Amino acid sequence: MKKPNNLIPTNQVTHNQLTKMTFAIKGMHCASCVYTNEKALKAIPGVTEAVVNLTNGKATLTSKEPIKNNLIIDAVKSVGYQAMIDDTGDLDEKIKAEKIKELKDLKIKVSVSLFLGGLIVWGSFPGIMDFAPALFKNFYFQFILATIIQFWAGQDLYRAAISSLHHRIANMDTLVVIGTTVAYIYSIFVTFFPKFFMDLKIEAMPYFDVSTVIIGLILLGRFLEAQAKAGTGEAIKKLIGLQAKEATVLVKQNDIRITNNKHQLNFK
């Protein structure tokens, strides 16, 4: 039976009358994302501290009392992100599976974007366009390729930017979407209404190559970033696994064996 979201999660640890909870946040790509999520989480009643780690995509809440799942999910969702809360102790496995899925999706989009963008550049960039087939120089053909990249490959950028604007927040996605959309819309007018620009003595030249290449390179950067994060996370996990599981302490001529269970012993 599925556990309702409004129940208090079992992965919260109480220590010294304070409760700590760790969960994952999907969709973060920059320092602005970290700041936005921390601000939203700190606004939850009872939360005394919220720390978001961009590298591993995790957030840790410190509160005076256990926080319900639905409050955390709603707080993160309110700023355009998604919280992944796991009460079974398999959070790391869920994050790993999500990263593998993200890498696979990004790899496809990067490959298609850079390939189609390369065709547009070949047919529009001065110097190399002289060697391009006539089809690649056709503005309508470039429009079709650019539309695929703009709204299929860049759909996550649009989704994040729209959500950010809805909550009156600006981030890197907002900048990329505004810049590429302006170039794309201008290029559409040049393609379908060239006479208008000619009458104004402006060269009717679209900039489909600009919008497509920017989106392709942004996605390539995110793919490399996700790949690096996945490798870093695995390395840290293996490093933690090398720590000693137990220690022997000599107390008044007696050996006491202490296991690594996060307990502290005070000796006088």
Protein backbone atom coordinates (compact mmCIF):
# COMPACT_ATOMS: atom_id res chain seq x y z
CA MET A 1 0.00 0.00 0.00
CA LYS A 2 1.36 3.39 -1.04
CA LYS A 3 2.19 5.77 1.78
CA PRO A 4 0.35 9.13 1.64
CA ASN A 5 2.52 12.19 1.11
CA ASN A 6 1.24 13.95 4.21
CA LEU A 7 2.68 11.39 6.61
CA ILE A 8 5.82 12.17 8.56
CA PRO A 9 8.75 10.46 6.77
CA THR A 10 10.72 7.80 8.58
CA ASN A 11 14.09 8.91 7.20
CA GLN A 12 14.25 11.82 9.63
CA VAL A 13 16.84 11.52 12.37
CA THR A 14 16.37 13.21 15.74
CA HIS A 15 19.48 14.30 17.60
CA ASN A 16 19.75 16.75 20.50
CA GLN A 17 16.07 17.72 20.08
CA LEU A 18 16.61 18.67 16.43
CA THR A 19 15.38 16.64 13.45
CA LYS A 20 17.42 16.24 10.28
CA MET A 21 16.07 15.01 6.96
CA THR A 22 17.86 14.40 3.66
CA PHE A 23 16.21 14.17 0.25
CA ALA A 24 17.00 14.87 -3.40
CA ILE A 25 15.96 17.76 -5.65
CA LYS A 26 15.62 17.37 -9.42
CA GLY A 27 16.31 20.10 -11.97
CA MET A 28 19.14 22.09 -10.35
CA HIS A 29 21.91 23.36 -12.63
CA CYS A 30 23.43 26.48 -11.09
CA ALA A 31 24.08 28.42 -7.88
CA SER A 32 20.83 30.34 -8.41
CA CYS A 33 18.93 27.03 -8.21
CA VAL A 34 20.59 26.28 -4.86
CA TYR A 35 19.74 29.71 -3.44
CA THR A 36 16.13 29.50 -4.65
CA ASN A 37 15.54 26.07 -3.11
CA GLU A 38 17.20 26.97 0.19
CA LYS A 39 15.05 30.08 0.46
CA ALA A 40 11.86 28.09 -0.22
CA LEU A 41 12.78 25.35 2.27
CA LYS A 42 13.69 27.82 5.02
CA ALA A 43 10.21 29.32 4.67
CA ILE A 44 8.63 26.06 5.89
CA PRO A 45 7.36 26.54 9.48
CA GLY A 46 9.66 24.82 11.97
CA VAL A 47 12.73 24.64 9.71
CA THR A 48 15.81 26.15 11.34
CA GLU A 49 18.33 25.40 8.59
CA ALA A 50 18.27 24.26 4.95
CA VAL A 51 21.41 23.25 3.06
CA VAL A 52 21.27 22.30 -0.63
CA ASN A 53 24.23 20.60 -2.32
CA LEU A 54 24.46 21.19 -6.07
CA THR A 55 27.07 18.47 -6.60
CA ASN A 56 25.04 15.51 -5.34
CA GLY A 57 21.60 17.11 -5.75
CA LYS A 58 20.68 16.56 -2.10
CA ALA A 59 19.10 18.86 0.46
CA THR A 60 19.31 18.57 4.25
CA LEU A 61 16.70 20.13 6.50
CA THR A 62 17.17 20.80 10.19
CA SER A 63 13.97 21.43 12.13
CA LYS A 64 12.63 21.57 15.65
CA GLU A 65 10.08 18.87 14.85
CA PRO A 66 9.53 16.35 12.00
CA ILE A 67 8.40 17.97 8.75
CA LYS A 68 5.65 16.36 6.70
CA ASN A 69 6.46 15.20 3.17
CA ASN A 70 3.78 17.28 1.49
CA LEU A 71 5.17 20.52 2.95
CA ILE A 72 8.61 19.80 1.50
CA ILE A 73 7.25 18.69 -1.87
CA ASP A 74 5.04 21.78 -2.15
CA ALA A 75 7.86 24.15 -1.13
CA VAL A 76 10.24 22.76 -3.75
CA LYS A 77 7.52 22.60 -6.40
CA SER A 78 6.56 26.23 -5.74
CA VAL A 79 9.91 27.37 -7.17
CA GLY A 80 9.85 25.04 -10.17
CA TYR A 81 11.75 21.95 -8.97
CA GLN A 82 10.88 18.43 -7.85
CA ALA A 83 11.67 16.85 -4.50
CA MET A 84 12.53 13.13 -4.34
CA ILE A 85 11.74 11.83 -0.84
CA ASP A 86 12.47 8.21 -0.01
CA ASP A 87 11.55 6.59 3.31
CA THR A 88 12.98 3.14 2.51
CA GLY A 89 16.66 4.07 2.67
CA ASP A 90 17.20 3.70 -1.09
CA LEU A 91 17.59 7.42 -1.85
CA ASP A 92 21.09 6.99 -3.33
CA GLU A 93 19.84 4.24 -5.64
CA LYS A 94 16.96 6.43 -6.79
CA ILE A 95 19.32 9.32 -7.47
CA LYS A 96 21.63 7.01 -9.41
CA ALA A 97 18.76 5.69 -11.53
CA GLU A 98 17.56 9.24 -12.19
CA LYS A 99 21.07 10.32 -13.25
CA ILE A 100 21.37 7.38 -15.66
CA LYS A 101 18.03 8.31 -17.19
CA GLU A 102 19.04 11.97 -17.44
CA LEU A 103 22.35 11.09 -19.11
CA LYS A 104 20.62 8.88 -21.66
CA ASP A 105 18.06 11.57 -22.50
CA LEU A 106 20.70 14.31 -22.74
CA LYS A 107 22.96 12.19 -24.94
CA ILE A 108 20.19 11.78 -27.52
CA LYS A 109 19.24 15.46 -27.47
CA VAL A 110 22.85 16.64 -27.66
CA SER A 111 23.63 14.36 -30.62
CA VAL A 112 20.53 15.41 -32.58
CA SER A 113 20.90 19.12 -31.72
CA LEU A 114 24.55 19.38 -32.70
CA PHE A 115 24.01 17.35 -35.89
CA LEU A 116 21.04 19.39 -37.10
CA GLY A 117 22.67 22.61 -35.90
CA GLY A 118 25.78 21.68 -37.85
CA LEU A 119 23.72 21.34 -41.03
CA ILE A 120 22.22 24.81 -40.47
CA VAL A 121 25.65 26.33 -39.83
CA TRP A 122 27.00 24.65 -42.97
CA GLY A 123 24.22 26.22 -45.03
CA SER A 124 24.37 29.71 -43.50
CA PHE A 125 27.89 30.50 -42.28
CA PRO A 126 29.94 32.69 -44.67
CA GLY A 127 32.83 30.85 -46.25
CA ILE A 128 31.65 27.27 -45.72
CA MET A 129 28.13 27.80 -47.10
CA ASP A 130 29.64 27.98 -50.60
CA PHE A 131 30.31 24.22 -50.36
CA ALA A 132 26.91 23.34 -48.88
CA PRO A 133 24.09 21.65 -50.87
CA ALA A 134 21.34 24.00 -52.05
CA LEU A 135 18.85 22.37 -49.66
CA PHE A 136 20.91 23.37 -46.62
CA LYS A 137 20.87 27.02 -47.77
CA ASN A 138 17.09 27.05 -48.01
CA PHE A 139 15.60 29.17 -45.20
CA TYR A 140 12.48 27.00 -44.97
CA PHE A 141 14.61 23.89 -44.52
CA GLN A 142 16.60 25.66 -41.80
CA PHE A 143 13.33 26.72 -40.16
CA ILE A 144 12.16 23.10 -39.89
CA LEU A 145 15.45 21.91 -38.36
CA ALA A 146 15.62 24.86 -35.96
CA THR A 147 12.03 24.26 -34.80
CA ILE A 148 12.88 20.67 -33.87
CA ILE A 149 15.84 21.81 -31.79
CA GLN A 150 14.07 24.80 -30.26
CA PHE A 151 11.00 22.99 -28.95
CA TRP A 152 12.03 19.34 -28.68
CA ALA A 153 15.63 19.50 -27.51
CA GLY A 154 15.04 22.73 -25.61
CA GLN A 155 11.74 21.76 -23.99
CA ASP A 156 13.30 21.32 -20.54
CA LEU A 157 14.82 24.79 -20.81
CA TYR A 158 11.42 26.26 -21.65
CA ARG A 159 9.70 24.33 -18.87
CA ALA A 160 12.20 25.56 -16.28
CA ALA A 161 12.18 29.15 -17.59
CA ILE A 162 8.38 29.38 -17.65
CA SER A 163 8.20 28.02 -14.11
CA SER A 164 10.84 30.51 -12.96
CA LEU A 165 9.06 33.47 -14.55
CA HIS A 166 5.79 32.29 -13.04
CA HIS A 167 7.37 32.53 -9.61
CA ARG A 168 9.18 35.79 -10.48
CA ILE A 169 12.60 34.17 -10.39
CA ALA A 170 15.31 34.46 -13.04
CA ASN A 171 18.00 31.82 -13.62
CA MET A 172 20.27 30.56 -16.38
CA ASP A 173 17.37 28.83 -18.15
CA THR A 174 15.55 32.15 -18.37
CA LEU A 175 18.56 33.80 -20.03
CA VAL A 176 19.04 30.99 -22.56
CA VAL A 177 15.35 30.79 -23.46
CA ILE A 178 14.95 34.56 -23.94
CA GLY A 179 18.10 34.82 -26.08
CA THR A 180 17.39 31.84 -28.34
CA THR A 181 13.68 32.62 -28.67
CA VAL A 182 14.39 36.18 -29.84
CA ALA A 183 16.83 34.87 -32.48
CA TYR A 184 14.36 32.16 -33.53
CA ILE A 185 11.35 34.52 -33.85
CA TYR A 186 13.39 37.11 -35.74
CA SER A 187 14.54 34.39 -38.13
CA ILE A 188 10.93 33.30 -38.72
CA PHE A 189 9.97 36.84 -39.78
CA VAL A 190 12.99 37.02 -42.08
CA THR A 191 12.07 33.67 -43.63
CA PHE A 192 8.37 34.36 -44.24
CA PHE A 193 8.42 38.14 -44.72
CA PRO A 194 11.75 38.97 -46.42
CA LYS A 195 10.26 41.88 -48.42
CA PHE A 196 9.52 43.76 -45.19
CA PHE A 197 13.22 43.80 -44.29
CA MET A 198 14.32 44.56 -47.83
CA ASP A 199 12.09 47.64 -47.87
CA LEU A 200 13.89 48.78 -44.72
CA LYS A 201 17.22 48.12 -46.47
CA ILE A 202 18.06 45.40 -43.93
CA GLU A 203 19.64 42.18 -45.16
CA ALA A 204 17.08 39.37 -44.91
CA MET A 205 19.32 36.85 -43.19
CA PRO A 206 17.95 34.51 -40.50
CA TYR A 207 19.82 33.51 -37.35
CA PHE A 208 18.62 29.94 -36.99
CA ASP A 209 22.25 28.88 -36.64
CA VAL A 210 22.65 31.04 -33.53
CA SER A 211 19.62 29.69 -31.63
CA THR A 212 20.33 26.05 -32.51
CA VAL A 213 24.04 26.11 -31.71
CA ILE A 214 23.45 27.83 -28.35
CA ILE A 215 20.86 25.24 -27.31
CA GLY A 216 23.09 22.40 -28.52
CA LEU A 217 26.11 23.69 -26.59
CA ILE A 218 24.06 24.34 -23.43
CA LEU A 219 22.77 20.75 -23.56
CA LEU A 220 26.32 19.48 -24.19
CA GLY A 221 27.50 21.36 -21.10
CA ARG A 222 24.71 19.85 -19.03
CA PHE A 223 25.54 16.38 -20.33
CA LEU A 224 29.20 16.77 -19.34
CA GLU A 225 28.14 18.24 -15.98
CA ALA A 226 25.77 15.33 -15.28
CA GLN A 227 28.47 12.85 -16.29
CA ALA A 228 31.00 14.50 -13.99
CA LYS A 229 28.52 14.57 -11.09
CA ALA A 230 27.76 10.89 -11.54
CA GLY A 231 31.46 10.02 -11.49
CA THR A 232 32.14 12.26 -8.49
CA GLY A 233 29.25 10.77 -6.54
CA GLU A 234 30.47 7.23 -7.11
CA ALA A 235 34.03 8.19 -6.12
CA ILE A 236 32.87 9.79 -2.88
CA LYS A 237 30.70 6.78 -2.08
CA LYS A 238 33.64 4.40 -2.58
CA LEU A 239 35.88 6.65 -0.48
CA ILE A 240 33.38 6.61 2.39
CA GLY A 241 33.27 2.83 2.12
CA LEU A 242 37.00 2.71 2.97
CA GLN A 243 36.51 4.18 6.44
CA ALA A 244 37.09 1.95 9.45
CA LYS A 245 34.01 0.05 10.61
CA GLU A 246 35.17 -0.15 14.23
CA ALA A 247 37.87 1.11 16.58
CA THR A 248 39.47 -0.18 19.77
CA VAL A 249 39.82 2.23 22.70
CA LEU A 250 41.91 1.51 25.80
CA VAL A 251 40.01 2.65 28.91
CA LYS A 252 41.49 1.86 32.34
CA GLN A 253 43.43 -1.17 31.09
CA ASN A 254 40.35 -2.53 29.31
CA ASP A 255 39.84 -2.69 25.55
CA ILE A 256 36.50 -1.35 24.36
CA ARG A 257 35.51 -1.99 20.77
CA ILE A 258 33.38 0.74 19.22
CA THR A 259 31.49 0.23 15.97
CA ASN A 260 30.79 3.03 13.51
CA ASN A 261 27.16 3.68 14.45
CA LYS A 262 27.32 7.48 14.85
CA HIS A 263 27.30 7.21 18.67
CA GLN A 264 29.67 9.34 20.70
CA LEU A 265 31.37 8.32 23.90
CA ASN A 266 32.64 10.81 26.47
CA PHE A 267 35.62 9.79 28.58
CA LYS A 268 36.67 11.58 31.75
